[in-house]
Amino acid sequence: MKKLTAKEEEVMEHIWQLGHCAPKDVLALYPEPKPHINTIATVFQLLEKKGYLGHRVSGRGYIYKPLVEKDAYGSSKLDAFVDRHFGHSYMNVVSALVREEKVTEEELMQFLQELKKR
């Protein structure tokens, strides 16, 4: 999965929210001051080149749809984060969460019980 810029990720979040949409639909979700429609349309084109979007013709324009699910993108980002910051080890992540008291022993035990059920 190709890496997205912050702006591409922001636009992609809106696309996942909307599903099938056109650049003008995404533009409508932005607060004032809104970016220019050409900026949003350019991001759509970049996302399509990177394989995140597909399109179909609708009248004189295109309707785009996400080709990558949000969960799949999130998993990819998480993997990259763990690789970069925790030496490719999810156990190092868990250790850090416990050490920083972000996860309790009770929560870990509950998680282990759920894993055993699977």
C-alpha atoms as a PDB file:
ATOM      1  CA  MET A   1       0.000   0.000   0.000  1.00  0.00           C
ATOM      2  CA  LYS A   2       1.478   3.328  -1.040  1.00  0.00           C
ATOM      3  CA  LYS A   3       1.958   5.949   1.647  1.00  0.00           C
ATOM      4  CA  LEU A   4      -0.467   8.877   1.726  1.00  0.00           C
ATOM      5  CA  THR A   5       0.358  12.481   2.466  1.00  0.00           C
ATOM      6  CA  ALA A   6      -1.517  14.193   5.291  1.00  0.00           C
ATOM      7  CA  LYS A   7      -3.806  15.952   2.784  1.00  0.00           C
ATOM      8  CA  GLU A   8      -4.485  12.718   0.877  1.00  0.00           C
ATOM      9  CA  GLU A   9      -5.303  10.944   4.125  1.00  0.00           C
ATOM     10  CA  GLU A  10      -7.646  13.768   5.149  1.00  0.00           C
ATOM     11  CA  VAL A  11      -9.517  13.574   1.834  1.00  0.00           C
ATOM     12  CA  MET A  12      -9.588   9.777   2.019  1.00  0.00           C
ATOM     13  CA  GLU A  13     -11.205   9.989   5.477  1.00  0.00           C
ATOM     14  CA  HIS A  14     -14.031  12.017   3.917  1.00  0.00           C
ATOM     15  CA  ILE A  15     -14.348   9.555   1.036  1.00  0.00           C
ATOM     16  CA  TRP A  16     -14.622   6.622   3.466  1.00  0.00           C
ATOM     17  CA  GLN A  17     -17.316   8.565   5.303  1.00  0.00           C
ATOM     18  CA  LEU A  18     -19.291   9.203   2.113  1.00  0.00           C
ATOM     19  CA  GLY A  19     -18.661   6.032   0.115  1.00  0.00           C
ATOM     20  CA  HIS A  20     -19.339   6.764  -3.557  1.00  0.00           C
ATOM     21  CA  CYS A  21     -18.814  10.484  -4.141  1.00  0.00           C
ATOM     22  CA  ALA A  22     -17.463  13.269  -6.315  1.00  0.00           C
ATOM     23  CA  PRO A  23     -14.902  15.901  -5.310  1.00  0.00           C
ATOM     24  CA  LYS A  24     -17.712  18.425  -4.749  1.00  0.00           C
ATOM     25  CA  ASP A  25     -19.263  16.084  -2.158  1.00  0.00           C
ATOM     26  CA  VAL A  26     -16.001  15.991  -0.209  1.00  0.00           C
ATOM     27  CA  LEU A  27     -15.597  19.751  -0.545  1.00  0.00           C
ATOM     28  CA  ALA A  28     -19.010  20.219   1.096  1.00  0.00           C
ATOM     29  CA  LEU A  29     -17.709  18.493   4.256  1.00  0.00           C
ATOM     30  CA  TYR A  30     -14.950  21.052   4.820  1.00  0.00           C
ATOM     31  CA  PRO A  31     -15.516  24.008   7.130  1.00  0.00           C
ATOM     32  CA  GLU A  32     -14.827  27.552   5.961  1.00  0.00           C
ATOM     33  CA  PRO A  33     -12.469  28.533   4.533  1.00  0.00           C
ATOM     34  CA  LYS A  34     -12.880  25.610   2.156  1.00  0.00           C
ATOM     35  CA  PRO A  35     -10.030  24.470  -0.066  1.00  0.00           C
ATOM     36  CA  HIS A  36     -10.455  25.129  -3.790  1.00  0.00           C
ATOM     37  CA  ILE A  37     -12.360  22.441  -5.709  1.00  0.00           C
ATOM     38  CA  ASN A  38      -9.338  21.986  -8.004  1.00  0.00           C
ATOM     39  CA  THR A  39      -7.214  21.089  -4.976  1.00  0.00           C
ATOM     40  CA  ILE A  40      -9.690  18.387  -3.957  1.00  0.00           C
ATOM     41  CA  ALA A  41     -10.000  17.108  -7.549  1.00  0.00           C
ATOM     42  CA  THR A  42      -6.199  16.872  -7.800  1.00  0.00           C
ATOM     43  CA  VAL A  43      -6.061  14.864  -4.569  1.00  0.00           C
ATOM     44  CA  PHE A  44      -8.717  12.506  -5.995  1.00  0.00           C
ATOM     45  CA  GLN A  45      -6.538  11.964  -9.066  1.00  0.00           C
ATOM     46  CA  LEU A  46      -3.492  11.269  -6.901  1.00  0.00           C
ATOM     47  CA  LEU A  47      -5.465   8.828  -4.767  1.00  0.00           C
ATOM     48  CA  GLU A  48      -6.633   7.043  -7.903  1.00  0.00           C
ATOM     49  CA  LYS A  49      -3.045   6.785  -9.210  1.00  0.00           C
ATOM     50  CA  LYS A  50      -1.978   5.314  -5.868  1.00  0.00           C
ATOM     51  CA  GLY A  51      -4.734   2.691  -6.112  1.00  0.00           C
ATOM     52  CA  TYR A  52      -6.991   3.998  -3.349  1.00  0.00           C
ATOM     53  CA  LEU A  53      -9.870   5.068  -5.609  1.00  0.00           C
ATOM     54  CA  GLY A  54     -11.684   3.859  -8.679  1.00  0.00           C
ATOM     55  CA  HIS A  55     -14.208   5.804 -10.735  1.00  0.00           C
ATOM     56  CA  ARG A  56     -17.119   5.524 -13.114  1.00  0.00           C
ATOM     57  CA  VAL A  57     -18.485   8.110 -15.512  1.00  0.00           C
ATOM     58  CA  SER A  58     -21.586   9.942 -14.330  1.00  0.00           C
ATOM     59  CA  GLY A  59     -22.880  12.602 -16.694  1.00  0.00           C
ATOM     60  CA  ARG A  60     -20.015  14.982 -17.413  1.00  0.00           C
ATOM     61  CA  GLY A  61     -17.993  13.943 -14.371  1.00  0.00           C
ATOM     62  CA  TYR A  62     -16.884  10.978 -12.339  1.00  0.00           C
ATOM     63  CA  ILE A  63     -18.155   9.249  -9.252  1.00  0.00           C
ATOM     64  CA  TYR A  64     -15.336   7.768  -7.201  1.00  0.00           C
ATOM     65  CA  LYS A  65     -15.373   4.838  -4.822  1.00  0.00           C
ATOM     66  CA  PRO A  66     -12.776   3.679  -2.314  1.00  0.00           C
ATOM     67  CA  LEU A  67     -10.842   0.594  -3.395  1.00  0.00           C
ATOM     68  CA  VAL A  68      -9.039   0.304  -0.066  1.00  0.00           C
ATOM     69  CA  GLU A  69     -11.080  -0.214   3.075  1.00  0.00           C
ATOM     70  CA  LYS A  70     -10.441   2.053   6.032  1.00  0.00           C
ATOM     71  CA  ASP A  71      -9.626  -0.914   8.295  1.00  0.00           C
ATOM     72  CA  ALA A  72      -7.039  -2.234   5.827  1.00  0.00           C
ATOM     73  CA  TYR A  73      -5.418   1.198   5.637  1.00  0.00           C
ATOM     74  CA  GLY A  74      -5.409   1.488   9.430  1.00  0.00           C
ATOM     75  CA  SER A  75      -3.773  -1.923   9.792  1.00  0.00           C
ATOM     76  CA  SER A  76      -1.123  -0.932   7.269  1.00  0.00           C
ATOM     77  CA  LYS A  77      -0.402   2.297   9.174  1.00  0.00           C
ATOM     78  CA  LEU A  78      -0.224   0.396  12.456  1.00  0.00           C
ATOM     79  CA  ASP A  79       2.209  -2.135  10.993  1.00  0.00           C
ATOM     80  CA  ALA A  80       4.449   0.671   9.731  1.00  0.00           C
ATOM     81  CA  PHE A  81       4.315   2.400  13.125  1.00  0.00           C
ATOM     82  CA  VAL A  82       5.221  -0.786  14.992  1.00  0.00           C
ATOM     83  CA  ASP A  83       8.019  -1.523  12.542  1.00  0.00           C
ATOM     84  CA  ARG A  84       9.454   1.974  12.837  1.00  0.00           C
ATOM     85  CA  HIS A  85       9.070   2.618  16.558  1.00  0.00           C
ATOM     86  CA  PHE A  86       8.959  -0.803  18.229  1.00  0.00           C
ATOM     87  CA  GLY A  87      11.447  -2.907  16.292  1.00  0.00           C
ATOM     88  CA  HIS A  88       8.826  -4.896  14.354  1.00  0.00           C
ATOM     89  CA  SER A  89       7.459  -6.291  17.634  1.00  0.00           C
ATOM     90  CA  TYR A  90       3.860  -6.047  18.779  1.00  0.00           C
ATOM     91  CA  MET A  91       5.007  -7.465  22.122  1.00  0.00           C
ATOM     92  CA  ASN A  92       7.172  -4.356  22.524  1.00  0.00           C
ATOM     93  CA  VAL A  93       4.014  -2.305  21.965  1.00  0.00           C
ATOM     94  CA  VAL A  94       2.133  -4.270  24.629  1.00  0.00           C
ATOM     95  CA  SER A  95       5.079  -3.919  27.020  1.00  0.00           C
ATOM     96  CA  ALA A  96       5.133  -0.163  26.488  1.00  0.00           C
ATOM     97  CA  LEU A  97       1.375   0.068  27.083  1.00  0.00           C
ATOM     98  CA  VAL A  98       1.684  -1.851  30.339  1.00  0.00           C
ATOM     99  CA  ARG A  99       4.753   0.120  31.434  1.00  0.00           C
ATOM    100  CA  GLU A 100       2.977   3.421  30.760  1.00  0.00           C
ATOM    101  CA  GLU A 101      -0.141   2.113  32.528  1.00  0.00           C
ATOM    102  CA  LYS A 102      -2.294   2.498  29.417  1.00  0.00           C
ATOM    103  CA  VAL A 103      -3.398  -1.143  29.760  1.00  0.00           C
ATOM    104  CA  THR A 104      -4.084  -2.866  33.065  1.00  0.00           C
ATOM    105  CA  GLU A 105      -3.244  -6.437  34.003  1.00  0.00           C
ATOM    106  CA  GLU A 106      -6.990  -7.141  34.169  1.00  0.00           C
ATOM    107  CA  GLU A 107      -7.443  -5.920  30.598  1.00  0.00           C
ATOM    108  CA  LEU A 108      -4.574  -8.112  29.429  1.00  0.00           C
ATOM    109  CA  MET A 109      -6.010 -11.161  31.164  1.00  0.00           C
ATOM    110  CA  GLN A 110      -9.420 -10.478  29.633  1.00  0.00           C
ATOM    111  CA  PHE A 111      -7.794 -10.149  26.210  1.00  0.00           C
ATOM    112  CA  LEU A 112      -5.956 -13.472  26.687  1.00  0.00           C
ATOM    113  CA  GLN A 113      -9.216 -15.185  27.635  1.00  0.00           C
ATOM    114  CA  GLU A 114     -10.839 -13.841  24.472  1.00  0.00           C
ATOM    115  CA  LEU A 115      -7.902 -15.098  22.405  1.00  0.00           C
ATOM    116  CA  LYS A 116      -8.234 -18.578  23.894  1.00  0.00           C
ATOM    117  CA  LYS A 117     -11.928 -18.648  22.967  1.00  0.00           C
ATOM    118  CA  ARG A 118     -11.035 -18.045  19.323  1.00  0.00           C
END
